[in-house]
């Protein structure tokens, strides 16, 4: 399942279950986000990996609280959450819909938020 990263020393595997990781697209306080191809459903998704360095009972709890909140949202301006899981080593990860940032910025300029 989802494996952790250690800043600057962890490189993701090429594949994680049905997902083929393509490239990193972001990072934050809790981990990194990668663009991935869902080989079963033939679609692009974003996968967030939580950094082992920040993983505590508190961050794990916060991660799943945020994931539950995201799973409850359904709105055209919010990406669809594809689910959160705990990996084989107890490391959480989350999969979500991905969106082209440039297209989103254009939409906001023309249609509004």
N, C-alpha and C. Protein backbone atom coordinates (compact mmCIF):
# COMPACT_ATOMS: atom_id res chain seq x y z
N UNK A 1 0.85 -1.18 0.00
CA UNK A 1 0.00 0.00 0.00
C UNK A 1 0.88 1.22 0.00
N UNK A 2 0.43 2.30 0.56
CA UNK A 2 1.19 3.53 0.57
C UNK A 2 2.38 3.41 1.51
N UNK A 3 3.54 3.76 1.05
CA UNK A 3 4.75 3.70 1.87
C UNK A 3 5.20 5.12 2.21
N UNK A 4 5.86 5.30 3.32
CA UNK A 4 6.27 6.64 3.76
C UNK A 4 7.49 7.15 3.00
N UNK A 5 7.79 8.40 3.18
CA UNK A 5 9.04 8.92 2.66
C UNK A 5 9.79 9.61 3.78
N UNK A 6 11.06 9.63 3.67
CA UNK A 6 11.91 10.42 4.56
C UNK A 6 12.40 11.56 3.70
N UNK A 7 12.30 12.80 4.15
CA UNK A 7 12.70 13.93 3.32
C UNK A 7 14.06 13.72 2.67
N UNK A 8 14.09 13.96 1.37
CA UNK A 8 15.30 13.92 0.55
C UNK A 8 15.94 12.54 0.40
N UNK A 9 15.52 11.53 1.13
CA UNK A 9 16.17 10.23 0.97
C UNK A 9 15.23 9.15 0.46
N UNK A 10 13.93 9.42 0.44
CA UNK A 10 12.97 8.42 0.00
C UNK A 10 12.59 8.66 -1.44
N UNK A 11 12.65 7.63 -2.24
CA UNK A 11 12.16 7.70 -3.61
C UNK A 11 10.99 6.73 -3.71
N UNK A 12 9.90 7.15 -4.29
CA UNK A 12 8.74 6.27 -4.37
C UNK A 12 8.99 5.10 -5.31
N UNK A 13 8.27 4.00 -5.08
CA UNK A 13 8.35 2.92 -6.06
C UNK A 13 7.66 3.38 -7.35
N UNK A 14 7.92 2.68 -8.44
CA UNK A 14 7.25 3.07 -9.69
C UNK A 14 5.76 2.77 -9.65
N UNK A 15 5.40 1.73 -8.89
CA UNK A 15 4.00 1.33 -8.78
C UNK A 15 3.63 1.07 -7.33
N UNK A 16 2.42 1.46 -6.99
CA UNK A 16 1.85 1.21 -5.67
C UNK A 16 0.46 0.65 -5.93
N UNK A 17 0.30 -0.64 -5.68
CA UNK A 17 -0.94 -1.33 -6.01
C UNK A 17 -1.30 -1.06 -7.46
N UNK A 18 -2.51 -0.52 -7.72
CA UNK A 18 -2.92 -0.30 -9.11
C UNK A 18 -2.44 1.03 -9.67
N UNK A 19 -1.66 1.78 -8.91
CA UNK A 19 -1.23 3.10 -9.32
C UNK A 19 0.21 3.10 -9.83
N UNK A 20 0.42 3.72 -10.98
CA UNK A 20 1.76 3.93 -11.51
C UNK A 20 2.12 5.40 -11.23
N UNK A 21 3.14 5.62 -10.40
CA UNK A 21 3.52 6.98 -10.05
C UNK A 21 4.25 7.63 -11.21
N UNK A 22 3.83 8.84 -11.57
CA UNK A 22 4.38 9.52 -12.73
C UNK A 22 5.39 10.61 -12.35
N UNK A 23 5.01 11.49 -11.40
CA UNK A 23 5.93 12.55 -10.99
C UNK A 23 5.39 13.24 -9.74
N UNK A 24 6.29 13.88 -8.97
CA UNK A 24 5.82 14.64 -7.81
C UNK A 24 5.10 15.90 -8.27
N UNK A 25 4.04 16.27 -7.55
CA UNK A 25 3.30 17.48 -7.91
C UNK A 25 3.15 18.43 -6.72
N UNK A 26 3.59 18.02 -5.54
CA UNK A 26 3.49 18.92 -4.40
C UNK A 26 4.04 18.30 -3.13
N UNK A 27 4.23 19.15 -2.14
CA UNK A 27 4.65 18.67 -0.83
C UNK A 27 4.15 19.66 0.20
N UNK A 28 3.98 19.15 1.41
CA UNK A 28 3.49 20.00 2.49
C UNK A 28 4.06 19.53 3.81
N UNK A 29 3.46 19.98 4.88
CA UNK A 29 3.96 19.67 6.21
C UNK A 29 3.87 18.19 6.53
N UNK A 30 2.89 17.49 5.96
CA UNK A 30 2.70 16.09 6.30
C UNK A 30 3.31 15.12 5.29
N UNK A 31 3.64 15.57 4.10
CA UNK A 31 4.18 14.63 3.13
C UNK A 31 4.27 15.19 1.73
N UNK A 32 4.33 14.25 0.77
CA UNK A 32 4.44 14.60 -0.65
C UNK A 32 3.23 14.07 -1.41
N UNK A 33 2.96 14.74 -2.53
CA UNK A 33 1.85 14.34 -3.39
C UNK A 33 2.42 14.02 -4.77
N UNK A 34 1.98 12.90 -5.33
CA UNK A 34 2.45 12.46 -6.65
C UNK A 34 1.27 12.33 -7.61
N UNK A 35 1.52 12.69 -8.86
CA UNK A 35 0.58 12.40 -9.93
C UNK A 35 0.75 10.92 -10.25
N UNK A 36 -0.36 10.21 -10.37
CA UNK A 36 -0.29 8.78 -10.64
C UNK A 36 -1.36 8.40 -11.65
N UNK A 37 -1.12 7.29 -12.33
CA UNK A 37 -2.10 6.74 -13.27
C UNK A 37 -2.73 5.52 -12.60
N UNK A 38 -4.05 5.57 -12.46
CA UNK A 38 -4.81 4.43 -11.93
C UNK A 38 -4.97 3.47 -13.10
N UNK A 39 -4.23 2.36 -13.07
CA UNK A 39 -4.22 1.43 -14.19
C UNK A 39 -5.52 0.65 -14.31
N UNK A 40 -6.26 0.48 -13.23
CA UNK A 40 -7.52 -0.25 -13.31
C UNK A 40 -8.64 0.59 -13.92
N UNK A 41 -8.70 1.87 -13.53
CA UNK A 41 -9.77 2.74 -14.01
C UNK A 41 -9.32 3.68 -15.12
N UNK A 42 -8.04 3.61 -15.52
CA UNK A 42 -7.47 4.43 -16.59
C UNK A 42 -7.77 5.90 -16.40
N UNK A 43 -7.30 6.43 -15.27
CA UNK A 43 -7.48 7.85 -14.97
C UNK A 43 -6.29 8.36 -14.18
N UNK A 44 -6.09 9.68 -14.22
CA UNK A 44 -5.04 10.30 -13.42
C UNK A 44 -5.58 10.62 -12.04
N UNK A 45 -4.76 10.40 -11.03
CA UNK A 45 -5.12 10.69 -9.65
C UNK A 45 -3.91 11.32 -8.95
N UNK A 46 -4.16 11.89 -7.79
CA UNK A 46 -3.10 12.39 -6.94
C UNK A 46 -3.01 11.47 -5.73
N UNK A 47 -1.80 11.11 -5.33
CA UNK A 47 -1.60 10.26 -4.16
C UNK A 47 -0.71 10.99 -3.18
N UNK A 48 -1.20 11.12 -1.96
CA UNK A 48 -0.45 11.78 -0.89
C UNK A 48 0.18 10.71 -0.01
N UNK A 49 1.49 10.82 0.20
CA UNK A 49 2.22 9.95 1.11
C UNK A 49 2.57 10.74 2.35
N UNK A 50 2.35 10.17 3.52
CA UNK A 50 2.70 10.84 4.77
C UNK A 50 4.15 10.53 5.12
N UNK A 51 4.88 11.55 5.54
CA UNK A 51 6.28 11.38 5.91
C UNK A 51 6.40 10.64 7.24
N UNK A 52 7.24 9.63 7.28
CA UNK A 52 7.46 8.89 8.51
C UNK A 52 8.01 9.83 9.60
N UNK A 53 8.80 10.81 9.19
CA UNK A 53 9.42 11.74 10.15
C UNK A 53 8.38 12.52 10.96
N UNK A 54 7.19 12.74 10.41
CA UNK A 54 6.16 13.50 11.12
C UNK A 54 5.04 12.62 11.66
N UNK A 55 5.15 11.32 11.45
CA UNK A 55 4.07 10.42 11.82
C UNK A 55 4.07 10.13 13.32
N UNK A 56 3.06 10.64 14.00
CA UNK A 56 2.84 10.37 15.41
C UNK A 56 1.37 9.97 15.55
N UNK A 57 0.96 9.62 16.74
CA UNK A 57 -0.45 9.31 16.96
C UNK A 57 -1.30 10.53 16.59
N UNK A 58 -0.80 11.73 16.94
CA UNK A 58 -1.54 12.96 16.65
C UNK A 58 -1.66 13.24 15.17
N UNK A 59 -0.57 13.08 14.40
CA UNK A 59 -0.64 13.36 12.96
C UNK A 59 -1.46 12.29 12.25
N UNK A 60 -1.38 11.04 12.69
CA UNK A 60 -2.20 9.98 12.10
C UNK A 60 -3.68 10.29 12.32
N UNK A 61 -4.01 10.70 13.54
CA UNK A 61 -5.39 11.04 13.87
C UNK A 61 -5.85 12.23 13.03
N UNK A 62 -5.02 13.27 12.91
CA UNK A 62 -5.36 14.44 12.11
C UNK A 62 -5.54 14.07 10.64
N UNK A 63 -4.65 13.22 10.13
CA UNK A 63 -4.73 12.79 8.74
C UNK A 63 -6.09 12.14 8.45
N UNK A 64 -6.52 11.20 9.31
CA UNK A 64 -7.78 10.51 9.06
C UNK A 64 -8.99 11.40 9.35
N UNK A 65 -8.86 12.35 10.27
CA UNK A 65 -9.94 13.32 10.49
C UNK A 65 -10.13 14.16 9.23
N UNK A 66 -9.02 14.65 8.65
CA UNK A 66 -9.09 15.42 7.41
C UNK A 66 -9.65 14.57 6.27
N UNK A 67 -9.23 13.32 6.18
CA UNK A 67 -9.71 12.43 5.12
C UNK A 67 -11.21 12.18 5.25
N UNK A 68 -11.70 11.98 6.47
CA UNK A 68 -13.14 11.80 6.66
C UNK A 68 -13.91 13.05 6.24
N UNK A 69 -13.37 14.21 6.59
CA UNK A 69 -14.01 15.46 6.18
C UNK A 69 -14.04 15.61 4.67
N UNK A 70 -12.92 15.33 4.02
CA UNK A 70 -12.84 15.43 2.56
C UNK A 70 -13.80 14.44 1.88
N UNK A 71 -13.96 13.27 2.46
CA UNK A 71 -14.84 12.25 1.87
C UNK A 71 -16.31 12.67 1.93
N UNK A 72 -16.65 13.54 2.85
CA UNK A 72 -18.04 14.01 2.98
C UNK A 72 -18.39 15.13 2.01
N UNK A 73 -17.37 15.74 1.40
CA UNK A 73 -17.62 16.87 0.51
C UNK A 73 -18.02 16.42 -0.89
N UNK A 74 -18.97 17.11 -1.44
CA UNK A 74 -19.38 16.86 -2.82
C UNK A 74 -19.78 18.21 -3.40
N UNK A 75 -18.87 18.80 -4.19
CA UNK A 75 -19.10 20.12 -4.75
C UNK A 75 -18.26 20.25 -6.02
N UNK A 76 -18.77 20.93 -7.03
CA UNK A 76 -18.01 21.07 -8.28
C UNK A 76 -16.65 21.74 -8.11
N UNK A 77 -16.47 22.54 -7.06
CA UNK A 77 -15.21 23.25 -6.84
C UNK A 77 -14.25 22.52 -5.91
N UNK A 78 -14.57 21.29 -5.56
CA UNK A 78 -13.73 20.51 -4.64
C UNK A 78 -13.38 19.19 -5.33
N UNK A 79 -12.09 18.83 -5.33
CA UNK A 79 -11.70 17.55 -5.94
C UNK A 79 -12.31 16.40 -5.15
N UNK A 80 -12.61 15.32 -5.84
CA UNK A 80 -13.20 14.15 -5.22
C UNK A 80 -12.14 13.34 -4.50
N UNK A 81 -12.42 13.01 -3.25
CA UNK A 81 -11.51 12.19 -2.46
C UNK A 81 -11.71 10.73 -2.85
N UNK A 82 -10.63 10.04 -3.15
CA UNK A 82 -10.71 8.65 -3.57
C UNK A 82 -10.52 7.66 -2.44
N UNK A 83 -10.31 8.15 -1.24
CA UNK A 83 -10.17 7.26 -0.10
C UNK A 83 -8.80 7.33 0.54
N UNK A 84 -8.79 7.07 1.82
CA UNK A 84 -7.55 7.03 2.59
C UNK A 84 -7.39 5.62 3.13
N UNK A 85 -6.14 5.18 3.21
CA UNK A 85 -5.85 3.84 3.70
C UNK A 85 -4.60 3.86 4.56
N UNK A 86 -4.46 2.83 5.33
CA UNK A 86 -3.25 2.65 6.09
C UNK A 86 -2.44 1.56 5.43
N UNK A 87 -1.20 1.86 5.11
CA UNK A 87 -0.34 0.91 4.41
C UNK A 87 0.07 -0.26 5.27
N UNK A 88 0.78 -1.18 4.65
CA UNK A 88 1.21 -2.41 5.33
C UNK A 88 2.12 -2.14 6.52
N UNK A 89 2.79 -1.00 6.52
CA UNK A 89 3.66 -0.64 7.64
C UNK A 89 3.02 0.37 8.58
N UNK A 90 1.70 0.52 8.48
CA UNK A 90 0.99 1.45 9.34
C UNK A 90 1.11 2.90 8.92
N UNK A 91 1.51 3.15 7.67
CA UNK A 91 1.68 4.51 7.17
C UNK A 91 0.46 4.88 6.33
N UNK A 92 -0.22 5.98 6.69
CA UNK A 92 -1.41 6.37 5.93
C UNK A 92 -1.08 7.04 4.60
N UNK A 93 -2.00 6.89 3.67
CA UNK A 93 -1.90 7.54 2.38
C UNK A 93 -3.30 7.82 1.86
N UNK A 94 -3.41 8.74 0.94
CA UNK A 94 -4.72 9.14 0.44
C UNK A 94 -4.65 9.34 -1.07
N UNK A 95 -5.71 8.95 -1.75
CA UNK A 95 -5.81 9.11 -3.19
C UNK A 95 -6.95 10.06 -3.47
N UNK A 96 -6.76 10.97 -4.44
CA UNK A 96 -7.81 11.92 -4.80
C UNK A 96 -7.76 12.21 -6.28
N UNK A 97 -8.85 12.76 -6.77
CA UNK A 97 -8.93 13.23 -8.15
C UNK A 97 -7.86 14.31 -8.35
N UNK A 98 -7.39 14.44 -9.56
CA UNK A 98 -6.43 15.50 -9.86
C UNK A 98 -7.04 16.46 -10.87
N UNK A 99 -6.53 17.68 -10.87
CA UNK A 99 -7.07 18.71 -11.75
C UNK A 99 -5.91 19.55 -12.26
N UNK A 100 -5.96 19.94 -13.50
CA UNK A 100 -4.94 20.82 -14.07
C UNK A 100 -5.09 22.20 -13.45
N UNK A 101 -4.04 22.67 -12.79
CA UNK A 101 -4.08 23.96 -12.11
C UNK A 101 -4.36 25.12 -13.04
N UNK A 102 -3.79 25.10 -14.23
CA UNK A 102 -4.02 26.19 -15.17
C UNK A 102 -5.48 26.25 -15.58
N UNK A 103 -6.09 25.08 -15.82
CA UNK A 103 -7.50 25.04 -16.19
C UNK A 103 -8.37 25.57 -15.05
N UNK A 104 -8.01 25.23 -13.83
CA UNK A 104 -8.77 25.71 -12.67
C UNK A 104 -8.68 27.22 -12.53
N UNK A 105 -7.49 27.77 -12.74
CA UNK A 105 -7.32 29.22 -12.64
C UNK A 105 -8.14 29.94 -13.71
N UNK A 106 -8.14 29.39 -14.94
CA UNK A 106 -8.95 29.98 -16.02
C UNK A 106 -10.43 29.95 -15.66
N UNK A 107 -10.88 28.83 -15.13
CA UNK A 107 -12.29 28.70 -14.76
C UNK A 107 -12.68 29.73 -13.71
N UNK A 108 -11.83 29.93 -12.72
CA UNK A 108 -12.13 30.90 -11.67
C UNK A 108 -12.20 32.31 -12.25
N UNK A 109 -11.28 32.66 -13.17
CA UNK A 109 -11.29 33.98 -13.79
C UNK A 109 -12.58 34.20 -14.60
N UNK A 110 -13.04 33.17 -15.31
CA UNK A 110 -14.19 33.34 -16.21
C UNK A 110 -15.54 33.05 -15.54
N UNK A 111 -15.59 32.12 -14.64
CA UNK A 111 -16.86 31.71 -14.05
C UNK A 111 -16.99 32.21 -12.62
N UNK A 112 -15.86 32.31 -11.93
CA UNK A 112 -15.87 32.70 -10.52
C UNK A 112 -15.65 31.48 -9.64
N UNK A 113 -15.31 31.72 -8.36
CA UNK A 113 -15.02 30.60 -7.45
C UNK A 113 -16.27 29.81 -7.11
